[in-house]
Amino acid sequence: MPRTTHTVATRKTKKKIFKRAKGFVGGRGSLLRTAKETVARAMAFATRDRKQRKRHFRQLWNVRINAACRASGISYSRFIDALKKNKVSLNRKSLAEIAARDEKTFQEIVKFVKKA
């Protein structure tokens, strides 16, 4: 009886690793052991950074809203507090977009919030 080999499974595993290692420099993209290590590390970073991306975007939106608020003569915290008290349900992403692209509309929002 012939010995069995695991050729199909091994090839599949290697192909999967090398596919993920595509574009890596030197042996990291062409040698199995180093490719495995680098791919494992890259996957860990990818998992971590999916969480961090959300934090970074919220941080960016806050900075943009703050800059527009300061230009309009109100602090960021007072602006957000006034929005909540007046039950304005614009999220930070859309507020930042309005602040960056359409200053007149943002000024109107600030006026509405200050008046109320």
Protein backbone atom coordinates (compact mmCIF):
# COMPACT_ATOMS: atom_id res chain seq x y z
CA MET A 1 0.00 0.00 0.00
CA PRO A 2 1.48 3.36 -0.97
CA ARG A 3 2.21 5.98 1.61
CA THR A 4 -0.22 8.87 1.70
CA THR A 5 0.96 12.40 1.22
CA HIS A 6 -0.68 15.61 2.28
CA THR A 7 0.23 17.39 -0.91
CA VAL A 8 -3.16 18.93 -1.64
CA ALA A 9 -3.67 20.27 1.88
CA THR A 10 -0.08 21.51 2.14
CA ARG A 11 -0.26 23.30 -1.20
CA LYS A 12 -3.54 24.91 -0.22
CA THR A 13 -2.06 26.17 3.07
CA LYS A 14 1.06 27.50 1.36
CA LYS A 15 -0.93 29.21 -1.37
CA LYS A 16 -3.09 30.91 1.25
CA ILE A 17 -0.05 32.21 3.13
CA PHE A 18 1.78 33.38 -0.01
CA LYS A 19 -1.37 35.07 -1.28
CA ARG A 20 -1.55 37.09 1.94
CA ALA A 21 2.21 37.77 1.79
CA LYS A 22 1.99 39.20 -1.72
CA GLY A 23 3.92 42.46 -1.95
CA PHE A 24 6.10 41.79 1.09
CA VAL A 25 9.77 42.61 0.49
CA GLY A 26 12.44 39.93 0.10
CA GLY A 27 12.11 36.61 1.87
CA ARG A 28 9.06 37.81 3.73
CA GLY A 29 7.08 37.32 0.55
CA SER A 30 8.83 34.27 -0.89
CA LEU A 31 10.07 32.04 1.97
CA LEU A 32 7.47 30.02 3.81
CA ARG A 33 8.69 30.39 7.39
CA THR A 34 9.32 34.14 7.28
CA ALA A 35 6.13 34.67 5.27
CA LYS A 36 4.15 32.82 7.98
CA GLU A 37 5.62 35.00 10.72
CA THR A 38 5.07 38.21 8.82
CA VAL A 39 1.51 37.32 7.82
CA ALA A 40 0.64 36.44 11.42
CA ARG A 41 2.00 39.78 12.57
CA ALA A 42 0.21 41.65 9.77
CA MET A 43 -3.09 39.99 10.67
CA ALA A 44 -2.65 41.02 14.30
CA PHE A 45 -2.04 44.62 13.24
CA ALA A 46 -5.07 44.50 10.94
CA THR A 47 -7.29 43.33 13.79
CA ARG A 48 -5.96 46.04 16.11
CA ASP A 49 -6.22 48.79 13.52
CA ARG A 50 -9.84 48.04 12.62
CA LYS A 51 -10.65 49.14 16.16
CA GLN A 52 -8.27 52.11 16.07
CA ARG A 53 -9.66 53.40 12.77
CA LYS A 54 -12.96 54.18 14.50
CA ARG A 55 -11.16 56.10 17.25
CA HIS A 56 -9.05 58.05 14.79
CA PHE A 57 -12.02 59.13 12.69
CA ARG A 58 -13.99 60.28 15.73
CA GLN A 59 -10.93 62.23 16.86
CA LEU A 60 -10.64 63.87 13.44
CA TRP A 61 -14.32 64.81 13.40
CA ASN A 62 -14.04 66.36 16.86
CA VAL A 63 -11.05 68.45 15.78
CA ARG A 64 -12.86 69.70 12.66
CA ILE A 65 -16.01 70.58 14.57
CA ASN A 66 -13.96 72.32 17.26
CA ALA A 67 -12.12 74.44 14.68
CA ALA A 68 -15.39 75.50 13.05
CA CYS A 69 -16.97 76.23 16.43
CA ARG A 70 -14.04 78.39 17.52
CA ALA A 71 -14.31 80.34 14.26
CA SER A 72 -18.00 80.90 15.07
CA GLY A 73 -17.26 82.09 18.60
CA ILE A 74 -18.42 79.11 20.64
CA SER A 75 -16.50 76.32 22.32
CA TYR A 76 -16.86 72.72 21.18
CA SER A 77 -18.24 71.47 24.50
CA ARG A 78 -20.88 74.21 24.71
CA PHE A 79 -21.87 73.54 21.09
CA ILE A 80 -22.31 69.79 21.61
CA ASP A 81 -24.18 70.38 24.87
CA ALA A 82 -26.52 72.86 23.18
CA LEU A 83 -27.16 70.41 20.34
CA LYS A 84 -28.17 67.73 22.81
CA LYS A 85 -30.42 70.10 24.77
CA ASN A 86 -32.17 71.19 21.55
CA LYS A 87 -32.52 67.55 20.43
CA VAL A 88 -30.59 68.08 17.20
CA SER A 89 -29.69 64.59 16.04
CA LEU A 90 -26.76 65.30 13.75
CA ASN A 91 -23.86 62.97 14.42
CA ARG A 92 -20.24 64.11 14.56
CA LYS A 93 -19.43 62.69 11.15
CA SER A 94 -22.08 64.77 9.38
CA LEU A 95 -21.32 67.85 11.49
CA ALA A 96 -17.63 67.61 10.57
CA GLU A 97 -18.55 67.24 6.89
CA ILE A 98 -20.79 70.32 7.04
CA ALA A 99 -18.11 72.26 8.92
CA ALA A 100 -15.44 71.39 6.35
CA ARG A 101 -17.49 71.80 3.15
CA ASP A 102 -20.33 74.25 3.86
CA GLU A 103 -19.47 77.04 6.30
CA LYS A 104 -22.76 78.93 5.83
CA THR A 105 -24.83 75.94 6.87
CA PHE A 106 -22.61 75.37 9.89
CA GLN A 107 -23.02 79.05 10.84
CA GLU A 108 -26.80 78.57 10.66
CA ILE A 109 -26.60 75.56 12.96
CA VAL A 110 -24.48 77.56 15.42
CA LYS A 111 -26.97 80.47 15.29
CA PHE A 112 -29.87 78.10 15.92
CA VAL A 113 -28.06 76.53 18.87
CA LYS A 114 -27.04 79.90 20.37
CA LYS A 115 -30.56 81.33 20.00
CA ALA A 116 -32.23 78.37 21.68
